Amino acid sequence: MLVEYWIHEGIINEGGDRDIAAFNTGYGVISFLFAACLLMPTGTSEFVKMHDVIRQMALWAASNFGEEEEKVIVKTGAGLQQMPEVRNWNAVKRMSLANNEI
């Protein structure tokens, strides 16, 4: 599913949305990240785990190295019961509020 997400979001584009080369590239990236210990197995092939420090660094990089703090908002499993406060909704490009009570 992660590779499919990357393809649909345009992160990986090898000539078509469901092109075999795009899937191969995606799975190659995942293999590289596992080999570098940046991703860890969870006991099921459906999920991977990322160390908190690596996750924070990835979010920092995705926010243009801290310049655009609200570009990517991730509040996964934070126990939210309402939408988080955002100063500038136009700046938000990606948001994840999975596993909350919203």
Protein backbone atom coordinates (compact mmCIF):
# COMPACT_ATOMS: atom_id res chain seq x y z
CA MET A 1 0.00 0.00 0.00
CA LEU A 2 2.83 2.42 0.75
CA VAL A 3 4.22 2.06 -2.76
CA GLU A 4 0.74 2.56 -4.24
CA TYR A 5 0.39 5.73 -2.17
CA TRP A 6 3.74 7.03 -3.46
CA ILE A 7 2.69 6.31 -7.05
CA HIS A 8 -0.72 7.98 -6.71
CA GLU A 9 0.80 11.02 -5.00
CA GLY A 10 3.33 11.35 -7.82
CA ILE A 11 6.31 10.71 -5.56
CA ILE A 12 7.28 7.82 -7.85
CA ASN A 13 6.50 8.12 -11.53
CA GLU A 14 8.11 5.73 -13.95
CA GLY A 15 5.74 6.33 -16.86
CA GLY A 16 2.28 5.51 -15.51
CA ASP A 17 0.19 5.21 -12.39
CA ARG A 18 0.36 1.44 -12.17
CA ASP A 19 3.51 0.80 -14.18
CA ILE A 20 5.61 -2.21 -13.11
CA ALA A 21 8.75 -0.06 -13.11
CA ALA A 22 7.15 2.31 -10.58
CA PHE A 23 6.32 -0.59 -8.26
CA ASN A 24 9.86 -1.95 -8.63
CA THR A 25 11.30 1.48 -7.81
CA GLY A 26 9.04 1.77 -4.75
CA TYR A 27 9.91 -1.65 -3.40
CA GLY A 28 13.59 -0.89 -4.08
CA VAL A 29 13.30 2.25 -1.94
CA ILE A 30 11.62 0.29 0.87
CA SER A 31 14.37 -2.37 0.71
CA PHE A 32 17.01 0.35 0.91
CA LEU A 33 15.28 1.96 3.91
CA PHE A 34 15.11 -1.43 5.68
CA ALA A 35 18.79 -2.10 4.94
CA ALA A 36 19.70 1.31 6.37
CA CYS A 37 17.55 0.57 9.47
CA LEU A 38 15.37 3.62 8.73
CA LEU A 39 12.30 1.38 8.59
CA MET A 40 11.66 -1.59 10.84
CA PRO A 41 9.31 -4.58 10.48
CA THR A 42 6.20 -4.77 12.65
CA GLY A 43 5.43 -8.48 12.42
CA THR A 44 3.02 -8.06 9.53
CA SER A 45 3.76 -7.31 5.90
CA GLU A 46 1.07 -4.61 5.86
CA PHE A 47 2.87 -2.17 8.15
CA VAL A 48 6.33 -0.77 8.80
CA LYS A 49 7.65 1.16 11.76
CA MET A 50 9.85 4.25 11.69
CA HIS A 51 11.99 5.40 14.61
CA ASP A 52 10.62 8.60 16.20
CA VAL A 53 13.80 10.58 15.47
CA ILE A 54 13.75 9.58 11.80
CA ARG A 55 10.04 10.41 11.60
CA GLN A 56 10.59 13.87 13.07
CA MET A 57 13.47 14.52 10.68
CA ALA A 58 11.36 13.42 7.70
CA LEU A 59 8.53 15.74 8.76
CA TRP A 60 11.01 18.57 9.24
CA ALA A 61 12.40 18.00 5.74
CA ALA A 62 8.86 17.81 4.29
CA SER A 63 8.09 21.20 5.88
CA ASN A 64 10.90 22.79 3.86
CA PHE A 65 13.32 22.32 6.77
CA GLY A 66 11.08 24.10 9.25
CA GLU A 67 10.33 27.10 7.02
CA GLU A 68 6.74 25.99 6.34
CA GLU A 69 5.62 24.40 9.61
CA GLU A 70 2.02 23.90 8.50
CA LYS A 71 2.85 22.39 5.10
CA VAL A 72 2.68 18.86 6.54
CA ILE A 73 0.63 18.21 9.68
CA VAL A 74 0.79 14.75 11.25
CA LYS A 75 -1.13 14.10 14.46
CA THR A 76 -1.48 10.34 14.24
CA GLY A 77 -2.82 8.65 17.38
CA ALA A 78 -2.75 11.88 19.36
CA GLY A 79 -6.18 11.33 20.92
CA LEU A 80 -7.64 14.37 19.15
CA GLN A 81 -11.35 14.93 19.51
CA GLN A 82 -11.45 17.97 17.24
CA MET A 83 -9.46 19.35 14.33
CA PRO A 84 -6.09 20.84 15.29
CA GLU A 85 -5.72 24.60 15.19
CA VAL A 86 -4.06 25.73 11.99
CA ARG A 87 -3.10 29.37 11.36
CA ASN A 88 -3.02 29.12 7.58
CA TRP A 89 -5.08 26.35 5.96
CA ASN A 90 -3.87 27.45 2.51
CA ALA A 91 -0.34 26.42 3.48
CA VAL A 92 -1.36 22.84 4.35
CA LYS A 93 -0.38 20.37 1.60
CA ARG A 94 -0.70 17.09 3.55
CA MET A 95 -2.45 16.19 6.78
CA SER A 96 -2.75 12.91 8.66
CA LEU A 97 -5.12 12.59 11.60
CA ALA A 98 -5.33 8.79 11.61
CA ASN A 99 -6.24 6.90 14.78
CA ASN A 100 -7.89 9.83 16.55
CA GLU A 101 -11.42 10.39 17.84
CA ILE A 102 -12.46 13.06 15.35
